[in-house]
Amino acid sequence: MKAIVNVNENWGIGCEGDLLVNIPEDMKFFRAQTAGSVVIMGRKTLESFPGGKPLKGRVNLVLTRDADRISGSGIEAADVYLRSTESEADKKRFRELCNELISKKALPASERQTVLATVNTPEEAFKLCEGLDKESVFVIGGASVYELMLKYCDSCIVTINDSMREADTYFPDLYELSEWEHAVKGEEKEYEGIHYHFDSFVRKAEDA
């Protein structure tokens, strides 16, 4: 699986529950990358979406120990809600929904189902997604979920911006982690005085 994130040069990602920057091209890039995919998030990230509704045309896998706190509006907005993914039947149904959605990722979001599912632990999330197309599974936040799920990721798509806004939540600094390498630095772009670029990091081979 992959992580996808927008960070400033200090690897800050947010402040008081908000993103540090809102860059239209970055939002468009995020939508294009995750269309028809599985997106793994925490409950607070789900709540941060408009109306607390899951992302359309995706499988929204929410990592939470208290699924009862998922809002009714979020559940109602999903075409399919899987309250439990613990039994073998639940797991089979989840993977069937994922594979069906991934096979339709080239179609408009309106022609793909929106699925909302919950899971209790990072290990369960990883096991549920085993066997799926790894290019179609994304960790999207927040900070604690990034930290918990990073060990399962083999690549990270990182938008790096030069915003000076103070952050209170951070993504792990991949430059400082020996198991990661900076694979691609994208072309520098600018929006309302903020400079940014789309980069990618990959996990080094174990025998490297």
N, C-alpha and C. Protein backbone atom coordinates (compact mmCIF):
# COMPACT_ATOMS: atom_id res chain seq x y z
N MET A 1 0.84 -1.20 0.00
CA MET A 1 0.00 0.00 0.00
C MET A 1 0.87 1.25 0.00
N LYS A 2 0.22 2.38 -0.23
CA LYS A 2 0.91 3.65 -0.29
C LYS A 2 0.35 4.61 0.75
N ALA A 3 1.17 5.57 1.15
CA ALA A 3 0.67 6.72 1.90
C ALA A 3 0.65 7.90 0.94
N ILE A 4 -0.34 8.77 1.10
CA ILE A 4 -0.39 9.99 0.30
C ILE A 4 -0.65 11.14 1.27
N VAL A 5 0.17 12.20 1.17
CA VAL A 5 0.14 13.24 2.19
C VAL A 5 0.68 14.54 1.63
N ASN A 6 0.25 15.66 2.21
CA ASN A 6 0.78 16.98 1.90
C ASN A 6 1.47 17.49 3.16
N VAL A 7 2.75 17.84 3.04
CA VAL A 7 3.54 18.28 4.21
C VAL A 7 4.24 19.59 3.88
N ASN A 8 4.60 20.33 4.95
CA ASN A 8 5.50 21.45 4.72
C ASN A 8 6.93 20.97 4.87
N GLU A 9 7.87 21.86 4.78
CA GLU A 9 9.27 21.43 4.77
C GLU A 9 9.74 20.88 6.11
N ASN A 10 8.93 21.09 7.17
CA ASN A 10 9.21 20.49 8.47
C ASN A 10 8.38 19.23 8.69
N TRP A 11 7.71 18.77 7.65
CA TRP A 11 6.87 17.58 7.67
C TRP A 11 5.61 17.76 8.51
N GLY A 12 5.22 19.02 8.71
CA GLY A 12 3.96 19.30 9.35
C GLY A 12 2.81 19.06 8.38
N ILE A 13 1.69 18.54 8.91
CA ILE A 13 0.55 18.25 8.03
C ILE A 13 -0.71 19.00 8.41
N GLY A 14 -0.79 19.50 9.65
CA GLY A 14 -2.03 20.16 10.04
C GLY A 14 -1.89 20.97 11.29
N CYS A 15 -2.94 21.75 11.57
CA CYS A 15 -2.98 22.56 12.79
C CYS A 15 -4.43 22.70 13.22
N GLU A 16 -4.70 22.30 14.44
CA GLU A 16 -6.05 22.40 15.03
C GLU A 16 -7.10 21.74 14.14
N GLY A 17 -6.75 20.60 13.58
CA GLY A 17 -7.70 19.84 12.79
C GLY A 17 -7.83 20.23 11.35
N ASP A 18 -7.11 21.28 10.93
CA ASP A 18 -7.17 21.73 9.53
C ASP A 18 -5.86 21.43 8.82
N LEU A 19 -5.94 21.32 7.48
CA LEU A 19 -4.72 21.23 6.69
C LEU A 19 -3.96 22.54 6.76
N LEU A 20 -2.65 22.48 6.59
CA LEU A 20 -1.85 23.71 6.60
C LEU A 20 -2.12 24.56 5.37
N VAL A 21 -2.38 23.90 4.24
CA VAL A 21 -2.63 24.61 2.98
C VAL A 21 -3.76 23.91 2.23
N ASN A 22 -4.44 24.66 1.41
CA ASN A 22 -5.45 24.10 0.51
C ASN A 22 -5.09 24.54 -0.91
N ILE A 23 -4.48 23.65 -1.64
CA ILE A 23 -4.00 23.93 -2.98
C ILE A 23 -4.88 23.17 -3.97
N PRO A 24 -5.63 23.86 -4.82
CA PRO A 24 -6.56 23.17 -5.73
C PRO A 24 -5.92 22.06 -6.55
N GLU A 25 -4.73 22.29 -7.08
CA GLU A 25 -4.10 21.25 -7.90
C GLU A 25 -3.74 20.03 -7.06
N ASP A 26 -3.37 20.25 -5.81
CA ASP A 26 -3.06 19.13 -4.93
C ASP A 26 -4.32 18.33 -4.63
N MET A 27 -5.44 19.02 -4.42
CA MET A 27 -6.71 18.32 -4.18
C MET A 27 -7.11 17.51 -5.42
N LYS A 28 -6.92 18.10 -6.58
CA LYS A 28 -7.22 17.39 -7.83
C LYS A 28 -6.32 16.17 -7.98
N PHE A 29 -5.05 16.33 -7.65
CA PHE A 29 -4.08 15.24 -7.72
C PHE A 29 -4.50 14.10 -6.77
N PHE A 30 -4.91 14.46 -5.56
CA PHE A 30 -5.36 13.47 -4.59
C PHE A 30 -6.57 12.70 -5.11
N ARG A 31 -7.53 13.41 -5.68
CA ARG A 31 -8.72 12.74 -6.21
C ARG A 31 -8.36 11.78 -7.33
N ALA A 32 -7.46 12.21 -8.21
CA ALA A 32 -7.06 11.37 -9.35
C ALA A 32 -6.30 10.13 -8.88
N GLN A 33 -5.42 10.30 -7.89
CA GLN A 33 -4.63 9.18 -7.40
C GLN A 33 -5.49 8.13 -6.70
N THR A 34 -6.47 8.58 -5.94
CA THR A 34 -7.24 7.66 -5.09
C THR A 34 -8.57 7.22 -5.70
N ALA A 35 -8.90 7.69 -6.90
CA ALA A 35 -10.17 7.32 -7.52
C ALA A 35 -10.28 5.81 -7.65
N GLY A 36 -11.42 5.26 -7.25
CA GLY A 36 -11.63 3.83 -7.38
C GLY A 36 -10.69 2.98 -6.56
N SER A 37 -10.24 3.52 -5.42
CA SER A 37 -9.26 2.82 -4.60
C SER A 37 -9.78 2.62 -3.18
N VAL A 38 -8.97 1.94 -2.37
CA VAL A 38 -9.25 1.80 -0.95
C VAL A 38 -8.47 2.89 -0.22
N VAL A 39 -9.15 3.66 0.62
CA VAL A 39 -8.48 4.72 1.38
C VAL A 39 -8.64 4.41 2.86
N ILE A 40 -7.52 4.34 3.56
CA ILE A 40 -7.49 3.99 4.97
C ILE A 40 -7.29 5.26 5.78
N MET A 41 -8.16 5.46 6.76
CA MET A 41 -8.13 6.70 7.53
C MET A 41 -8.60 6.47 8.96
N GLY A 42 -8.40 7.47 9.81
CA GLY A 42 -8.96 7.46 11.15
C GLY A 42 -10.34 8.09 11.15
N ARG A 43 -11.05 7.92 12.27
CA ARG A 43 -12.41 8.46 12.37
C ARG A 43 -12.42 9.98 12.27
N LYS A 44 -11.44 10.64 12.87
CA LYS A 44 -11.42 12.10 12.82
C LYS A 44 -11.20 12.61 11.40
N THR A 45 -10.43 11.88 10.61
CA THR A 45 -10.26 12.27 9.21
C THR A 45 -11.58 12.15 8.46
N LEU A 46 -12.31 11.06 8.70
CA LEU A 46 -13.64 10.93 8.10
C LEU A 46 -14.52 12.10 8.51
N GLU A 47 -14.50 12.47 9.77
CA GLU A 47 -15.33 13.57 10.26
C GLU A 47 -14.94 14.91 9.65
N SER A 48 -13.70 15.02 9.19
CA SER A 48 -13.24 16.29 8.62
C SER A 48 -13.76 16.52 7.21
N PHE A 49 -14.28 15.47 6.55
CA PHE A 49 -14.83 15.62 5.22
C PHE A 49 -16.18 16.33 5.30
N PRO A 50 -16.60 17.02 4.26
CA PRO A 50 -17.89 17.73 4.28
C PRO A 50 -19.03 16.81 4.72
N GLY A 51 -19.72 17.22 5.79
CA GLY A 51 -20.84 16.44 6.29
C GLY A 51 -20.42 15.14 6.95
N GLY A 52 -19.12 14.93 7.14
CA GLY A 52 -18.64 13.67 7.70
C GLY A 52 -18.91 12.49 6.80
N LYS A 53 -19.05 12.77 5.50
CA LYS A 53 -19.41 11.73 4.54
C LYS A 53 -18.17 11.09 3.92
N PRO A 54 -18.20 9.79 3.66
CA PRO A 54 -17.05 9.11 3.04
C PRO A 54 -16.79 9.62 1.63
N LEU A 55 -15.56 9.44 1.17
CA LEU A 55 -15.18 9.87 -0.18
C LEU A 55 -15.92 9.02 -1.21
N LYS A 56 -16.50 9.69 -2.18
CA LYS A 56 -17.33 8.99 -3.17
C LYS A 56 -16.50 8.07 -4.07
N GLY A 57 -17.12 6.97 -4.47
CA GLY A 57 -16.50 6.06 -5.42
C GLY A 57 -15.24 5.40 -4.92
N ARG A 58 -15.13 5.25 -3.60
CA ARG A 58 -13.96 4.61 -2.99
C ARG A 58 -14.42 3.67 -1.88
N VAL A 59 -13.54 2.79 -1.46
CA VAL A 59 -13.76 2.02 -0.24
C VAL A 59 -13.08 2.79 0.88
N ASN A 60 -13.87 3.31 1.80
CA ASN A 60 -13.37 4.09 2.93
C ASN A 60 -13.23 3.15 4.12
N LEU A 61 -12.00 2.79 4.45
CA LEU A 61 -11.73 1.87 5.56
C LEU A 61 -11.27 2.70 6.76
N VAL A 62 -12.11 2.74 7.79
CA VAL A 62 -11.88 3.62 8.93
C VAL A 62 -11.30 2.82 10.09
N LEU A 63 -10.14 3.25 10.55
CA LEU A 63 -9.47 2.62 11.68
C LEU A 63 -9.97 3.28 12.96
N THR A 64 -10.77 2.54 13.74
CA THR A 64 -11.34 3.08 14.97
C THR A 64 -11.65 1.96 15.94
N ARG A 65 -11.50 2.22 17.22
CA ARG A 65 -11.86 1.24 18.24
C ARG A 65 -13.30 1.43 18.72
N ASP A 66 -13.98 2.44 18.18
CA ASP A 66 -15.36 2.70 18.59
C ASP A 66 -16.19 3.07 17.37
N ALA A 67 -16.61 2.05 16.63
CA ALA A 67 -17.38 2.28 15.40
C ALA A 67 -18.72 2.95 15.69
N ASP A 68 -19.19 2.89 16.94
CA ASP A 68 -20.46 3.52 17.28
C ASP A 68 -20.38 5.04 17.15
N ARG A 69 -19.18 5.57 17.09
CA ARG A 69 -19.02 7.02 16.97
C ARG A 69 -19.02 7.50 15.52
N ILE A 70 -19.10 6.57 14.58
CA ILE A 70 -19.25 6.98 13.17
C ILE A 70 -20.61 7.66 13.03
N SER A 71 -20.64 8.83 12.43
CA SER A 71 -21.89 9.59 12.35
C SER A 71 -22.92 8.93 11.45
N GLY A 72 -24.17 9.18 11.77
CA GLY A 72 -25.25 8.65 10.94
C GLY A 72 -25.21 9.19 9.53
N SER A 73 -24.81 10.46 9.39
CA SER A 73 -24.74 11.05 8.05
C SER A 73 -23.68 10.37 7.21
N GLY A 74 -22.58 9.95 7.85
CA GLY A 74 -21.53 9.24 7.14
C GLY A 74 -21.99 7.88 6.67
N ILE A 75 -22.70 7.18 7.55
CA ILE A 75 -23.22 5.86 7.20
C ILE A 75 -24.25 5.96 6.09
N GLU A 76 -25.15 6.92 6.20
CA GLU A 76 -26.22 7.07 5.21
C GLU A 76 -25.68 7.45 3.83
N ALA A 77 -24.53 8.11 3.80
CA ALA A 77 -23.95 8.53 2.51
C ALA A 77 -23.29 7.39 1.76
N ALA A 78 -23.06 6.28 2.45
CA ALA A 78 -22.41 5.13 1.82
C ALA A 78 -23.44 4.24 1.14
N ASP A 79 -23.07 3.69 -0.01
CA ASP A 79 -23.93 2.70 -0.66
C ASP A 79 -23.91 1.38 0.10
N VAL A 80 -22.75 1.09 0.69
CA VAL A 80 -22.59 -0.13 1.49
C VAL A 80 -21.85 0.24 2.77
N TYR A 81 -22.40 -0.22 3.91
CA TYR A 81 -21.72 -0.01 5.19
C TYR A 81 -21.45 -1.36 5.82
N LEU A 82 -20.18 -1.65 6.09
CA LEU A 82 -19.79 -2.88 6.76
C LEU A 82 -19.37 -2.53 8.18
N ARG A 83 -20.30 -2.73 9.11
CA ARG A 83 -20.04 -2.40 10.52
C ARG A 83 -18.97 -3.32 11.10
N SER A 84 -18.94 -4.54 10.60
CA SER A 84 -17.95 -5.52 11.08
C SER A 84 -17.21 -6.13 9.91
N THR A 85 -15.91 -6.32 10.09
CA THR A 85 -15.12 -7.04 9.08
C THR A 85 -14.35 -8.16 9.77
N GLU A 86 -14.96 -8.73 10.81
CA GLU A 86 -14.26 -9.71 11.64
C GLU A 86 -14.43 -11.15 11.17
N SER A 87 -15.62 -11.52 10.69
CA SER A 87 -15.84 -12.90 10.29
C SER A 87 -15.26 -13.15 8.90
N GLU A 88 -15.09 -14.41 8.56
CA GLU A 88 -14.58 -14.74 7.23
C GLU A 88 -15.55 -14.28 6.15
N ALA A 89 -16.85 -14.35 6.43
CA ALA A 89 -17.85 -13.88 5.47
C ALA A 89 -17.73 -12.37 5.26
N ASP A 90 -17.51 -11.64 6.36
CA ASP A 90 -17.32 -10.18 6.27
C ASP A 90 -16.09 -9.85 5.43
N LYS A 91 -15.00 -10.56 5.69
CA LYS A 91 -13.74 -10.31 4.97
C LYS A 91 -13.91 -10.60 3.48
N LYS A 92 -14.60 -11.69 3.18
CA LYS A 92 -14.83 -12.05 1.78
C LYS A 92 -15.65 -10.97 1.09
N ARG A 93 -16.72 -10.50 1.76
CA ARG A 93 -17.57 -9.45 1.20
C ARG A 93 -16.77 -8.17 0.98
N PHE A 94 -15.90 -7.82 1.94
CA PHE A 94 -15.07 -6.63 1.81
C PHE A 94 -14.17 -6.71 0.58
N ARG A 95 -13.49 -7.82 0.42
CA ARG A 95 -12.56 -7.97 -0.71
C ARG A 95 -13.31 -7.98 -2.04
N GLU A 96 -14.49 -8.58 -2.06
CA GLU A 96 -15.30 -8.57 -3.29
C GLU A 96 -15.66 -7.15 -3.67
N LEU A 97 -16.07 -6.35 -2.69
CA LEU A 97 -16.43 -4.95 -2.95
C LEU A 97 -15.21 -4.17 -3.44
N CYS A 98 -14.05 -4.41 -2.80
CA CYS A 98 -12.83 -3.72 -3.20
C CYS A 98 -12.45 -4.05 -4.64
N ASN A 99 -12.44 -5.33 -4.97
CA ASN A 99 -12.03 -5.74 -6.32
C ASN A 99 -13.00 -5.23 -7.37
N GLU A 100 -14.29 -5.22 -7.04
CA GLU A 100 -15.28 -4.69 -7.98
C GLU A 100 -15.05 -3.21 -8.22
N LEU A 101 -14.81 -2.46 -7.15
CA LEU A 101 -14.61 -1.03 -7.28
C LEU A 101 -13.32 -0.72 -8.02
N ILE A 102 -12.24 -1.43 -7.68
CA ILE A 102 -10.96 -1.20 -8.35
C ILE A 102 -11.05 -1.48 -9.84
N SER A 103 -11.84 -2.49 -10.20
CA SER A 103 -12.00 -2.82 -11.62
C SER A 103 -12.73 -1.72 -12.39
N LYS A 104 -13.42 -0.84 -11.66
CA LYS A 104 -14.19 0.24 -12.29
C LYS A 104 -13.56 1.61 -12.06
N LYS A 105 -12.29 1.63 -11.66
CA LYS A 105 -11.69 2.90 -11.26
C LYS A 105 -11.60 3.91 -12.39
N ALA A 106 -11.64 3.47 -13.64
CA ALA A 106 -11.59 4.40 -14.77
C ALA A 106 -12.93 5.08 -15.01
N LEU A 107 -13.99 4.58 -14.37
CA LEU A 107 -15.32 5.15 -14.56
C LEU A 107 -15.52 6.36 -13.65
N PRO A 108 -16.47 7.24 -13.97
CA PRO A 108 -16.77 8.37 -13.08
C PRO A 108 -17.18 7.87 -11.69
N ALA A 109 -16.96 8.70 -10.67
CA ALA A 109 -17.28 8.30 -9.30
C ALA A 109 -18.74 7.94 -9.15
N SER A 110 -19.61 8.61 -9.91
CA SER A 110 -21.05 8.34 -9.81
C SER A 110 -21.41 6.93 -10.26
N GLU A 111 -20.51 6.28 -10.99
CA GLU A 111 -20.76 4.92 -11.48
C GLU A 111 -20.03 3.87 -10.65
N ARG A 112 -19.44 4.30 -9.53
CA ARG A 112 -18.80 3.37 -8.61
C ARG A 112 -19.48 3.46 -7.25
N GLN A 113 -19.55 2.36 -6.55
CA GLN A 113 -20.13 2.38 -5.23
C GLN A 113 -19.22 3.09 -4.23
N THR A 114 -19.85 3.69 -3.22
CA THR A 114 -19.12 4.25 -2.10
C THR A 114 -19.30 3.30 -0.92
N VAL A 115 -18.19 2.77 -0.43
CA VAL A 115 -18.22 1.77 0.64
C VAL A 115 -17.59 2.37 1.90
N LEU A 116 -18.23 2.13 3.02
CA LEU A 116 -17.69 2.53 4.32
C LEU A 116 -17.55 1.28 5.18
N ALA A 117 -16.36 1.05 5.70
CA ALA A 117 -16.12 -0.11 6.55
C ALA A 117 -15.25 0.31 7.72
N THR A 118 -15.34 -0.42 8.82
CA THR A 118 -14.52 -0.11 9.99
C THR A 118 -13.65 -1.29 10.35
N VAL A 119 -12.54 -0.98 10.99
CA VAL A 119 -11.60 -2.01 11.45
C VAL A 119 -10.98 -1.49 12.74
N ASN A 120 -10.60 -2.41 13.64
CA ASN A 120 -10.15 -2.01 14.97
C ASN A 120 -8.66 -1.69 15.06
N THR A 121 -7.84 -2.40 14.30
CA THR A 121 -6.39 -2.27 14.47
C THR A 121 -5.68 -2.13 13.12
N PRO A 122 -4.47 -1.58 13.14
CA PRO A 122 -3.68 -1.50 11.90
C PRO A 122 -3.42 -2.87 11.29
N GLU A 123 -3.19 -3.87 12.14
CA GLU A 123 -2.92 -5.21 11.66
C GLU A 123 -4.12 -5.76 10.88
N GLU A 124 -5.33 -5.51 11.40
CA GLU A 124 -6.53 -5.96 10.72
C GLU A 124 -6.69 -5.25 9.39
N ALA A 125 -6.39 -3.95 9.36
CA ALA A 125 -6.49 -3.20 8.11
C ALA A 125 -5.55 -3.78 7.06
N PHE A 126 -4.31 -4.07 7.48
CA PHE A 126 -3.34 -4.63 6.56
C PHE A 126 -3.78 -5.99 6.03
N LYS A 127 -4.23 -6.85 6.94
CA LYS A 127 -4.65 -8.19 6.53
C LYS A 127 -5.85 -8.15 5.61
N LEU A 128 -6.79 -7.23 5.87
CA LEU A 128 -7.96 -7.11 5.00
C LEU A 128 -7.56 -6.74 3.58
N CYS A 129 -6.50 -5.94 3.46
CA CYS A 129 -6.11 -5.44 2.14
C CYS A 129 -5.07 -6.32 1.45
N GLU A 130 -4.60 -7.36 2.14
CA GLU A 130 -3.68 -8.30 1.51
C GLU A 130 -4.36 -8.94 0.30
N GLY A 131 -3.62 -9.06 -0.77
CA GLY A 131 -4.17 -9.68 -1.97
C GLY A 131 -4.83 -8.71 -2.92
N LEU A 132 -5.12 -7.49 -2.44
CA LEU A 132 -5.68 -6.47 -3.33
C LEU A 132 -4.54 -5.84 -4.14
N ASP A 133 -4.90 -5.17 -5.22
CA ASP A 133 -3.92 -4.43 -6.00
C ASP A 133 -3.26 -3.38 -5.11
N LYS A 134 -1.97 -3.56 -4.80
CA LYS A 134 -1.32 -2.66 -3.85
C LYS A 134 -1.22 -1.22 -4.37
N GLU A 135 -1.36 -1.03 -5.66
CA GLU A 135 -1.34 0.32 -6.22
C GLU A 135 -2.66 1.04 -5.97
N SER A 136 -3.64 0.32 -5.43
CA SER A 136 -4.97 0.90 -5.22
C SER A 136 -5.37 0.93 -3.76
N VAL A 137 -4.38 0.92 -2.87
CA VAL A 137 -4.64 1.02 -1.43
C VAL A 137 -3.80 2.17 -0.88
N PHE A 138 -4.48 3.17 -0.31
CA PHE A 138 -3.82 4.39 0.15
C PHE A 138 -4.12 4.67 1.61
N VAL A 139 -3.10 5.04 2.37
CA VAL A 139 -3.28 5.56 3.72
C VAL A 139 -3.37 7.08 3.60
N ILE A 140 -4.45 7.68 4.15
CA ILE A 140 -4.67 9.11 3.91
C ILE A 140 -4.74 9.94 5.19
N GLY A 141 -4.47 9.35 6.36
CA GLY A 141 -4.41 10.16 7.58
C GLY A 141 -5.45 9.79 8.61
N GLY A 142 -5.40 10.47 9.75
CA GLY A 142 -4.52 11.55 10.13
C GLY A 142 -3.17 11.08 10.66
N ALA A 143 -2.56 11.95 11.47
CA ALA A 143 -1.18 11.74 11.87
C ALA A 143 -0.96 10.39 12.55
N SER A 144 -1.85 10.02 13.48
CA SER A 144 -1.66 8.76 14.21
C SER A 144 -1.81 7.56 13.29
N VAL A 145 -2.72 7.65 12.32
CA VAL A 145 -2.92 6.55 11.37
C VAL A 145 -1.72 6.44 10.43
N TYR A 146 -1.18 7.57 9.99
CA TYR A 146 0.04 7.52 9.19
C TYR A 146 1.15 6.80 9.95
N GLU A 147 1.32 7.16 11.22
CA GLU A 147 2.40 6.58 12.01
C GLU A 147 2.19 5.07 12.19
N LEU A 148 0.96 4.67 12.42
CA LEU A 148 0.66 3.26 12.65
C LEU A 148 0.77 2.42 11.38
N MET A 149 0.41 3.01 10.25
CA MET A 149 0.33 2.24 9.00
C MET A 149 1.58 2.36 8.13
N LEU A 150 2.49 3.26 8.48
CA LEU A 150 3.65 3.48 7.60
C LEU A 150 4.48 2.22 7.42
N LYS A 151 4.55 1.37 8.44
CA LYS A 151 5.37 0.16 8.34
C LYS A 151 4.82 -0.82 7.30
N TYR A 152 3.56 -0.64 6.90
CA TYR A 152 2.96 -1.52 5.90
C TYR A 152 3.06 -0.92 4.49
N CYS A 153 3.54 0.29 4.38
CA CYS A 153 3.61 0.98 3.08
C CYS A 153 4.94 0.70 2.40
N ASP A 154 4.90 0.57 1.08
CA ASP A 154 6.14 0.42 0.34
C ASP A 154 6.47 1.64 -0.50
N SER A 155 5.56 2.63 -0.49
CA SER A 155 5.84 3.90 -1.17
C SER A 155 4.99 5.00 -0.56
N CYS A 156 5.44 6.22 -0.73
CA CYS A 156 4.72 7.39 -0.24
C CYS A 156 4.70 8.46 -1.32
N ILE A 157 3.54 9.01 -1.56
CA ILE A 157 3.38 10.14 -2.47
C ILE A 157 3.25 11.38 -1.61
N VAL A 158 4.20 12.29 -1.73
CA VAL A 158 4.30 13.41 -0.80
C VAL A 158 4.31 14.73 -1.56
N THR A 159 3.32 15.57 -1.29
CA THR A 159 3.34 16.94 -1.79
C THR A 159 4.06 17.77 -0.73
N ILE A 160 5.17 18.38 -1.11
CA ILE A 160 5.96 19.17 -0.17
C ILE A 160 5.77 20.65 -0.50
N ASN A 161 5.34 21.43 0.50
CA ASN A 161 5.11 22.86 0.29
C ASN A 161 5.97 23.68 1.25
N ASP A 162 6.11 24.96 0.94
CA ASP A 162 6.97 25.81 1.77
C ASP A 162 6.16 26.74 2.67
N SER A 163 4.93 26.32 3.02
CA SER A 163 4.12 27.11 3.94
C SER A 163 4.82 27.27 5.28
N MET A 164 4.75 28.47 5.84
CA MET A 164 5.38 28.74 7.13
C MET A 164 4.37 28.65 8.27
N ARG A 165 3.13 28.23 7.98
CA ARG A 165 2.12 28.12 9.03
C ARG A 165 2.55 27.08 10.06
N GLU A 166 2.35 27.42 11.34
CA GLU A 166 2.73 26.51 12.41
C GLU A 166 1.88 25.24 12.38
N ALA A 167 2.50 24.10 12.60
CA ALA A 167 1.80 22.82 12.60
C ALA A 167 1.76 22.25 14.01
N ASP A 168 0.73 21.43 14.29
CA ASP A 168 0.70 20.70 15.55
C ASP A 168 0.61 19.19 15.34
N THR A 169 0.56 18.77 14.06
CA THR A 169 0.61 17.35 13.73
C THR A 169 1.59 17.16 12.59
N TYR A 170 2.25 16.00 12.59
CA TYR A 170 3.35 15.78 11.66
C TYR A 170 3.31 14.38 11.04
N PHE A 171 3.89 14.29 9.85
CA PHE A 171 4.16 13.01 9.19
C PHE A 171 5.62 12.68 9.48
N PRO A 172 5.96 11.39 9.63
CA PRO A 172 7.38 11.05 9.86
C PRO A 172 8.28 11.60 8.75
N ASP A 173 9.40 12.18 9.14
CA ASP A 173 10.35 12.75 8.19
C ASP A 173 11.07 11.61 7.47
N LEU A 174 10.67 11.36 6.23
CA LEU A 174 11.22 10.22 5.49
C LEU A 174 12.70 10.39 5.18
N TYR A 175 13.18 11.64 5.14
CA TYR A 175 14.62 11.85 4.92
C TYR A 175 15.44 11.28 6.09
N GLU A 176 14.82 11.24 7.28
CA GLU A 176 15.53 10.81 8.48
C GLU A 176 15.41 9.31 8.73
N LEU A 177 14.60 8.62 7.93
CA LEU A 177 14.40 7.18 8.14
C LEU A 177 15.24 6.41 7.13
N SER A 178 16.14 5.59 7.63
CA SER A 178 17.12 4.93 6.76
C SER A 178 16.49 3.95 5.79
N GLU A 179 15.29 3.46 6.10
CA GLU A 179 14.67 2.46 5.22
C GLU A 179 13.95 3.08 4.02
N TRP A 180 13.94 4.42 3.97
CA TRP A 180 13.26 5.11 2.86
C TRP A 180 14.26 5.89 2.02
N GLU A 181 13.95 5.98 0.71
CA GLU A 181 14.77 6.81 -0.17
C GLU A 181 13.88 7.71 -1.02
N HIS A 182 14.41 8.88 -1.30
CA HIS A 182 13.71 9.89 -2.11
C HIS A 182 13.86 9.49 -3.57
N ALA A 183 12.78 9.04 -4.18
CA ALA A 183 12.87 8.50 -5.54
C ALA A 183 12.68 9.56 -6.61
N VAL A 184 11.71 10.46 -6.41
CA VAL A 184 11.38 11.44 -7.45
C VAL A 184 11.08 12.79 -6.80
N LYS A 185 11.69 13.85 -7.32
CA LYS A 185 11.31 15.21 -6.96
C LYS A 185 10.62 15.82 -8.15
N GLY A 186 9.39 16.27 -7.93
CA GLY A 186 8.60 16.82 -9.02
C GLY A 186 8.94 18.25 -9.35
N GLU A 187 8.35 18.71 -10.41
CA GLU A 187 8.54 20.09 -10.87
C GLU A 187 7.95 21.06 -9.86
N GLU A 188 8.68 22.16 -9.59
CA GLU A 188 8.18 23.14 -8.64
C GLU A 188 7.01 23.91 -9.23
N LYS A 189 5.97 24.06 -8.42
CA LYS A 189 4.77 24.79 -8.82
C LYS A 189 4.49 25.87 -7.78
N GLU A 190 3.53 26.75 -8.09
CA GLU A 190 3.23 27.84 -7.16
C GLU A 190 1.75 28.13 -7.14
N TYR A 191 1.22 28.39 -5.94
CA TYR A 191 -0.18 28.79 -5.79
C TYR A 191 -0.28 29.81 -4.67
N GLU A 192 -0.70 31.01 -5.03
CA GLU A 192 -0.88 32.11 -4.08
C GLU A 192 0.34 32.29 -3.17
N GLY A 193 1.52 32.25 -3.78
CA GLY A 193 2.75 32.49 -3.05
C GLY A 193 3.33 31.27 -2.37
N ILE A 194 2.63 30.15 -2.41
CA ILE A 194 3.14 28.92 -1.81
C ILE A 194 3.74 28.05 -2.90
N HIS A 195 4.97 27.64 -2.71
CA HIS A 195 5.64 26.78 -3.68
C HIS A 195 5.52 25.33 -3.22
N TYR A 196 5.34 24.44 -4.17
CA TYR A 196 5.14 23.03 -3.82
C TYR A 196 5.58 22.14 -4.97
N HIS A 197 5.79 20.87 -4.67
CA HIS A 197 6.13 19.90 -5.71
C HIS A 197 5.65 18.52 -5.27
N PHE A 198 5.34 17.68 -6.25
CA PHE A 198 4.88 16.32 -6.00
C PHE A 198 6.07 15.36 -6.04
N ASP A 199 6.37 14.74 -4.91
CA ASP A 199 7.52 13.85 -4.80
C ASP A 199 7.07 12.42 -4.49
N SER A 200 7.98 11.49 -4.63
CA SER A 200 7.70 10.12 -4.22
C SER A 200 8.90 9.55 -3.48
N PHE A 201 8.58 8.74 -2.48
CA PHE A 201 9.58 8.04 -1.67
C PHE A 201 9.26 6.55 -1.75
N VAL A 202 10.30 5.72 -1.75
CA VAL A 202 10.08 4.27 -1.79
C VAL A 202 10.88 3.60 -0.69
N ARG A 203 10.34 2.51 -0.20
CA ARG A 203 11.03 1.74 0.81
C ARG A 203 12.19 0.98 0.14
N LYS A 204 13.35 1.02 0.76
CA LYS A 204 14.51 0.34 0.20
C LYS A 204 14.34 -1.18 0.30
N ALA A 205 14.89 -1.88 -0.65
CA ALA A 205 14.88 -3.33 -0.60
C ALA A 205 15.63 -3.81 0.64
N GLU A 206 15.15 -4.88 1.24
CA GLU A 206 15.74 -5.36 2.50
C GLU A 206 17.20 -5.76 2.34
N ASP A 207 17.58 -6.20 1.14
CA ASP A 207 18.96 -6.64 0.93
C ASP A 207 19.84 -5.57 0.32
N ALA A 208 19.30 -4.32 0.29
CA ALA A 208 20.08 -3.21 -0.30
C ALA A 208 21.26 -2.86 0.60
